[in-house]
Amino acid sequence: MKQYLEAGEFVTTHGVMGELKLYPWCDDASFITELPRLFLGRDGQKEKKVTAARVHKGMCLVKLEGVDSIDDARPYVRRVAYFARADVQLPEGRFFVQDIIGCKVLDAQTGQEYGRVTDVTHPAASDVYEVRNEQGETFLFPAVPEFLGELCPLEGYITVRPIPGMFTSDGGNDDED
């Protein structure tokens, strides 16, 4: 399990006092405001203390220790910021997307394996899991309570209750021509 997860990307500077605008890669920009520090490397390199953070127009404005001018802030633009898993306590039953990616997708009733989660997108109110099977076929699975069973990323799997055809390339049509 990764110890450092992507928080988002610094997309531009904000003002002249060294603030950076962070495009959050999480459910809500306010999540970033609770982080005590950010890292500029995926393995925890270049730790920077967050001295202030606030939500502004769906983005997060972040002030990092030692970044006190627009010139100090410019080198951070277009860099990915990471946070330490240890700095966050998720509510019970909630997981990081990174923990779900790679999980086996198993039928809740039969145990049949449909593939593995390869991506999670957020096109609307609910997440959509991209599932790839052993043949390389990709299927989109709406992660809604009607279809989603158990999330067990620590054990490496999720269970699902799919409708017929959800994980077949022919849409469930079993008729032969």
C-alpha atoms as a PDB file:
ATOM      1  CA  MET A   1       0.000   0.000   0.000  1.00  0.00           C
ATOM      2  CA  LYS A   2       1.362   3.383  -0.979  1.00  0.00           C
ATOM      3  CA  GLN A   3       2.386   5.588   1.936  1.00  0.00           C
ATOM      4  CA  TYR A   4       2.215   8.813  -0.105  1.00  0.00           C
ATOM      5  CA  LEU A   5      -0.832   9.601  -2.219  1.00  0.00           C
ATOM      6  CA  GLU A   6      -1.498  12.275  -4.809  1.00  0.00           C
ATOM      7  CA  ALA A   7      -3.253  15.341  -3.411  1.00  0.00           C
ATOM      8  CA  GLY A   8      -3.374  17.275  -6.659  1.00  0.00           C
ATOM      9  CA  GLU A   9      -1.380  19.542  -8.925  1.00  0.00           C
ATOM     10  CA  PHE A  10      -0.189  23.075  -8.365  1.00  0.00           C
ATOM     11  CA  VAL A  11      -1.618  24.837 -11.419  1.00  0.00           C
ATOM     12  CA  THR A  12      -0.622  28.462 -10.862  1.00  0.00           C
ATOM     13  CA  THR A  13       0.435  31.038  -8.332  1.00  0.00           C
ATOM     14  CA  HIS A  14      -2.129  33.178  -6.493  1.00  0.00           C
ATOM     15  CA  GLY A  15      -1.304  36.736  -5.553  1.00  0.00           C
ATOM     16  CA  VAL A  16       2.179  37.981  -4.780  1.00  0.00           C
ATOM     17  CA  MET A  17       2.723  36.502  -1.304  1.00  0.00           C
ATOM     18  CA  GLY A  18       3.659  32.975  -2.424  1.00  0.00           C
ATOM     19  CA  GLU A  19       0.286  31.244  -2.380  1.00  0.00           C
ATOM     20  CA  LEU A  20      -0.226  28.401  -4.832  1.00  0.00           C
ATOM     21  CA  LYS A  21      -3.452  27.234  -6.427  1.00  0.00           C
ATOM     22  CA  LEU A  22      -3.779  23.468  -6.101  1.00  0.00           C
ATOM     23  CA  TYR A  23      -6.172  21.530  -8.331  1.00  0.00           C
ATOM     24  CA  PRO A  24      -7.343  18.803  -5.918  1.00  0.00           C
ATOM     25  CA  TRP A  25      -7.482  15.161  -6.996  1.00  0.00           C
ATOM     26  CA  CYS A  26      -9.887  14.230  -4.237  1.00  0.00           C
ATOM     27  CA  ASP A  27     -13.611  14.383  -3.525  1.00  0.00           C
ATOM     28  CA  ASP A  28     -13.500  17.851  -2.018  1.00  0.00           C
ATOM     29  CA  ALA A  29     -10.932  20.653  -1.940  1.00  0.00           C
ATOM     30  CA  SER A  30     -11.547  21.072   1.794  1.00  0.00           C
ATOM     31  CA  PHE A  31      -9.727  17.748   2.317  1.00  0.00           C
ATOM     32  CA  ILE A  32      -6.477  19.528   1.390  1.00  0.00           C
ATOM     33  CA  THR A  33      -7.050  22.250   3.991  1.00  0.00           C
ATOM     34  CA  GLU A  34      -6.699  19.653   6.765  1.00  0.00           C
ATOM     35  CA  LEU A  35      -3.248  18.437   5.693  1.00  0.00           C
ATOM     36  CA  PRO A  36      -0.320  19.569   7.870  1.00  0.00           C
ATOM     37  CA  ARG A  37       2.258  19.018   5.126  1.00  0.00           C
ATOM     38  CA  LEU A  38       2.684  18.182   1.470  1.00  0.00           C
ATOM     39  CA  PHE A  39       5.463  16.386  -0.386  1.00  0.00           C
ATOM     40  CA  LEU A  40       6.847  17.068  -3.831  1.00  0.00           C
ATOM     41  CA  GLY A  41       7.959  13.496  -4.482  1.00  0.00           C
ATOM     42  CA  ARG A  42       5.892  10.324  -4.687  1.00  0.00           C
ATOM     43  CA  ASP A  43       8.064   8.699  -2.020  1.00  0.00           C
ATOM     44  CA  GLY A  44       7.896  11.505   0.516  1.00  0.00           C
ATOM     45  CA  GLN A  45      10.763  13.596  -0.799  1.00  0.00           C
ATOM     46  CA  LYS A  46      10.857  17.363  -0.296  1.00  0.00           C
ATOM     47  CA  GLU A  47       8.461  17.759   2.614  1.00  0.00           C
ATOM     48  CA  LYS A  48       6.855  21.211   2.859  1.00  0.00           C
ATOM     49  CA  LYS A  49       4.845  22.347   5.869  1.00  0.00           C
ATOM     50  CA  VAL A  50       1.442  23.833   4.987  1.00  0.00           C
ATOM     51  CA  THR A  51       1.158  27.103   6.925  1.00  0.00           C
ATOM     52  CA  ALA A  52      -2.276  28.032   5.536  1.00  0.00           C
ATOM     53  CA  ALA A  53      -4.839  26.563   3.164  1.00  0.00           C
ATOM     54  CA  ARG A  54      -8.337  27.544   2.103  1.00  0.00           C
ATOM     55  CA  VAL A  55     -10.884  26.602  -0.530  1.00  0.00           C
ATOM     56  CA  HIS A  56     -11.386  29.133  -3.325  1.00  0.00           C
ATOM     57  CA  LYS A  57     -13.704  28.472  -6.298  1.00  0.00           C
ATOM     58  CA  GLY A  58     -13.361  24.677  -6.078  1.00  0.00           C
ATOM     59  CA  MET A  59      -9.582  24.869  -5.824  1.00  0.00           C
ATOM     60  CA  CYS A  60      -7.336  25.001  -2.791  1.00  0.00           C
ATOM     61  CA  LEU A  61      -5.077  27.953  -2.112  1.00  0.00           C
ATOM     62  CA  VAL A  62      -2.020  26.708  -0.261  1.00  0.00           C
ATOM     63  CA  LYS A  63       0.728  28.598   1.536  1.00  0.00           C
ATOM     64  CA  LEU A  64       3.877  26.558   2.074  1.00  0.00           C
ATOM     65  CA  GLU A  65       6.544  27.319   4.644  1.00  0.00           C
ATOM     66  CA  GLY A  66       9.437  29.222   3.055  1.00  0.00           C
ATOM     67  CA  VAL A  67       7.449  30.204  -0.046  1.00  0.00           C
ATOM     68  CA  ASP A  68       6.902  33.912   0.541  1.00  0.00           C
ATOM     69  CA  SER A  69       6.746  35.532  -2.886  1.00  0.00           C
ATOM     70  CA  ILE A  70       5.466  34.908  -6.372  1.00  0.00           C
ATOM     71  CA  ASP A  71       9.049  34.175  -7.443  1.00  0.00           C
ATOM     72  CA  ASP A  72       9.376  31.554  -4.676  1.00  0.00           C
ATOM     73  CA  ALA A  73       6.079  29.977  -5.799  1.00  0.00           C
ATOM     74  CA  ARG A  74       6.717  29.739  -9.559  1.00  0.00           C
ATOM     75  CA  PRO A  75       8.958  26.615  -9.420  1.00  0.00           C
ATOM     76  CA  TYR A  76       6.061  24.655  -7.850  1.00  0.00           C
ATOM     77  CA  VAL A  77       3.660  25.268 -10.744  1.00  0.00           C
ATOM     78  CA  ARG A  78       2.833  22.069 -12.697  1.00  0.00           C
ATOM     79  CA  ARG A  79       4.185  19.877  -9.901  1.00  0.00           C
ATOM     80  CA  VAL A  80       2.169  17.139  -8.254  1.00  0.00           C
ATOM     81  CA  ALA A  81       1.720  17.415  -4.498  1.00  0.00           C
ATOM     82  CA  TYR A  82       1.483  14.292  -2.337  1.00  0.00           C
ATOM     83  CA  PHE A  83       0.273  13.731   1.209  1.00  0.00           C
ATOM     84  CA  ALA A  84       1.226  11.107   3.758  1.00  0.00           C
ATOM     85  CA  ARG A  85      -1.402   8.440   4.405  1.00  0.00           C
ATOM     86  CA  ALA A  86      -0.434   8.695   8.099  1.00  0.00           C
ATOM     87  CA  ASP A  87      -1.650  12.327   8.171  1.00  0.00           C
ATOM     88  CA  VAL A  88      -5.254  11.357   7.359  1.00  0.00           C
ATOM     89  CA  GLN A  89      -7.940   9.414   9.202  1.00  0.00           C
ATOM     90  CA  LEU A  90     -10.727   8.361   6.826  1.00  0.00           C
ATOM     91  CA  PRO A  91     -14.215   7.614   8.134  1.00  0.00           C
ATOM     92  CA  GLU A  92     -15.044   3.929   8.469  1.00  0.00           C
ATOM     93  CA  GLY A  93     -15.997   2.400   5.144  1.00  0.00           C
ATOM     94  CA  ARG A  94     -14.187   5.047   3.083  1.00  0.00           C
ATOM     95  CA  PHE A  95     -11.064   4.295   1.077  1.00  0.00           C
ATOM     96  CA  PHE A  96      -8.556   6.077  -1.098  1.00  0.00           C
ATOM     97  CA  VAL A  97      -8.981   5.550  -4.843  1.00  0.00           C
ATOM     98  CA  GLN A  98      -5.396   4.283  -4.959  1.00  0.00           C
ATOM     99  CA  ASP A  99      -6.415   1.447  -2.636  1.00  0.00           C
ATOM    100  CA  ILE A 100      -9.321   0.385  -4.867  1.00  0.00           C
ATOM    101  CA  ILE A 101      -7.281   0.374  -8.084  1.00  0.00           C
ATOM    102  CA  GLY A 102      -5.884  -3.111  -8.611  1.00  0.00           C
ATOM    103  CA  CYS A 103      -8.560  -4.884  -6.559  1.00  0.00           C
ATOM    104  CA  LYS A 104     -10.145  -8.036  -7.941  1.00  0.00           C
ATOM    105  CA  VAL A 105     -13.819  -7.620  -8.848  1.00  0.00           C
ATOM    106  CA  LEU A 106     -15.783 -10.645  -7.607  1.00  0.00           C
ATOM    107  CA  ASP A 107     -19.458 -11.548  -7.972  1.00  0.00           C
ATOM    108  CA  ALA A 108     -21.058 -11.284  -4.515  1.00  0.00           C
ATOM    109  CA  GLN A 109     -23.169 -14.419  -5.076  1.00  0.00           C
ATOM    110  CA  THR A 110     -21.028 -16.738  -7.202  1.00  0.00           C
ATOM    111  CA  GLY A 111     -17.478 -15.551  -6.482  1.00  0.00           C
ATOM    112  CA  GLN A 112     -16.795 -15.298 -10.235  1.00  0.00           C
ATOM    113  CA  GLU A 113     -13.918 -12.939 -10.976  1.00  0.00           C
ATOM    114  CA  TYR A 114     -14.747 -10.288 -13.590  1.00  0.00           C
ATOM    115  CA  GLY A 115     -11.334  -8.624 -13.683  1.00  0.00           C
ATOM    116  CA  ARG A 116      -9.494  -5.911 -11.784  1.00  0.00           C
ATOM    117  CA  VAL A 117     -10.232  -2.253 -11.168  1.00  0.00           C
ATOM    118  CA  THR A 118      -7.887  -0.236 -13.406  1.00  0.00           C
ATOM    119  CA  ASP A 119      -9.285   3.265 -12.877  1.00  0.00           C
ATOM    120  CA  VAL A 120     -11.888   5.205 -10.918  1.00  0.00           C
ATOM    121  CA  THR A 121     -13.588   8.238 -12.449  1.00  0.00           C
ATOM    122  CA  HIS A 122     -16.121  10.675 -11.045  1.00  0.00           C
ATOM    123  CA  PRO A 123     -18.286  11.729 -14.015  1.00  0.00           C
ATOM    124  CA  ALA A 124     -21.413  12.441 -11.961  1.00  0.00           C
ATOM    125  CA  ALA A 125     -22.838  11.830  -8.508  1.00  0.00           C
ATOM    126  CA  SER A 126     -21.280   8.360  -8.212  1.00  0.00           C
ATOM    127  CA  ASP A 127     -17.889   6.869  -8.944  1.00  0.00           C
ATOM    128  CA  VAL A 128     -17.437   4.671 -11.998  1.00  0.00           C
ATOM    129  CA  TYR A 129     -14.937   1.822 -11.822  1.00  0.00           C
ATOM    130  CA  GLU A 130     -13.102   0.763 -14.960  1.00  0.00           C
ATOM    131  CA  VAL A 131     -12.694  -3.022 -14.835  1.00  0.00           C
ATOM    132  CA  ARG A 132     -10.345  -4.924 -17.156  1.00  0.00           C
ATOM    133  CA  ASN A 133     -10.630  -8.684 -17.534  1.00  0.00           C
ATOM    134  CA  GLU A 134      -7.885 -11.201 -18.431  1.00  0.00           C
ATOM    135  CA  GLN A 135      -8.755 -10.914 -22.133  1.00  0.00           C
ATOM    136  CA  GLY A 136      -8.020  -7.173 -22.013  1.00  0.00           C
ATOM    137  CA  GLU A 137     -11.664  -6.127 -22.358  1.00  0.00           C
ATOM    138  CA  THR A 138     -12.667  -3.057 -20.378  1.00  0.00           C
ATOM    139  CA  PHE A 139     -16.043  -2.488 -18.728  1.00  0.00           C
ATOM    140  CA  LEU A 140     -17.429   0.473 -16.821  1.00  0.00           C
ATOM    141  CA  PHE A 141     -19.114  -0.315 -13.527  1.00  0.00           C
ATOM    142  CA  PRO A 142     -21.248   2.266 -11.672  1.00  0.00           C
ATOM    143  CA  ALA A 143     -20.207   2.110  -8.011  1.00  0.00           C
ATOM    144  CA  VAL A 144     -23.704   2.631  -6.627  1.00  0.00           C
ATOM    145  CA  PRO A 145     -25.267   0.766  -3.682  1.00  0.00           C
ATOM    146  CA  GLU A 146     -27.532  -1.278  -5.988  1.00  0.00           C
ATOM    147  CA  PHE A 147     -24.515  -2.913  -7.665  1.00  0.00           C
ATOM    148  CA  LEU A 148     -21.654  -2.540  -5.210  1.00  0.00           C
ATOM    149  CA  GLY A 149     -21.244  -5.158  -2.496  1.00  0.00           C
ATOM    150  CA  GLU A 150     -18.278  -5.112  -0.128  1.00  0.00           C
ATOM    151  CA  LEU A 151     -15.205  -2.926  -0.495  1.00  0.00           C
ATOM    152  CA  CYS A 152     -12.248  -4.849   0.915  1.00  0.00           C
ATOM    153  CA  PRO A 153      -9.163  -3.141  -0.523  1.00  0.00           C
ATOM    154  CA  LEU A 154      -6.961  -4.272   2.367  1.00  0.00           C
ATOM    155  CA  GLU A 155      -7.752  -7.842   1.300  1.00  0.00           C
ATOM    156  CA  GLY A 156      -7.432  -6.934  -2.401  1.00  0.00           C
ATOM    157  CA  TYR A 157     -11.004  -7.356  -3.627  1.00  0.00           C
ATOM    158  CA  ILE A 158     -14.444  -5.820  -4.002  1.00  0.00           C
ATOM    159  CA  THR A 159     -17.710  -7.670  -4.494  1.00  0.00           C
ATOM    160  CA  VAL A 160     -20.404  -6.620  -6.934  1.00  0.00           C
ATOM    161  CA  ARG A 161     -24.008  -7.470  -7.824  1.00  0.00           C
ATOM    162  CA  PRO A 162     -24.053  -6.875 -11.584  1.00  0.00           C
ATOM    163  CA  ILE A 163     -27.064  -6.981 -13.869  1.00  0.00           C
ATOM    164  CA  PRO A 164     -26.901  -9.460 -16.760  1.00  0.00           C
ATOM    165  CA  GLY A 165     -24.530  -8.302 -19.478  1.00  0.00           C
ATOM    166  CA  MET A 166     -22.657  -5.789 -17.358  1.00  0.00           C
ATOM    167  CA  PHE A 167     -19.361  -7.652 -17.766  1.00  0.00           C
ATOM    168  CA  THR A 168     -19.805  -9.114 -21.251  1.00  0.00           C
ATOM    169  CA  SER A 169     -18.756  -7.506 -24.507  1.00  0.00           C
ATOM    170  CA  ASP A 170     -21.987  -8.588 -26.225  1.00  0.00           C
ATOM    171  CA  GLY A 171     -24.157  -6.835 -23.631  1.00  0.00           C
ATOM    172  CA  GLY A 172     -25.423 -10.129 -22.259  1.00  0.00           C
ATOM    173  CA  ASN A 173     -26.782 -11.462 -25.545  1.00  0.00           C
ATOM    174  CA  ASP A 174     -26.294 -15.222 -25.391  1.00  0.00           C
ATOM    175  CA  ASP A 175     -28.162 -15.928 -28.653  1.00  0.00           C
ATOM    176  CA  GLU A 176     -26.198 -17.592 -31.439  1.00  0.00           C
ATOM    177  CA  ASP A 177     -26.746 -16.472 -35.036  1.00  0.00           C
END
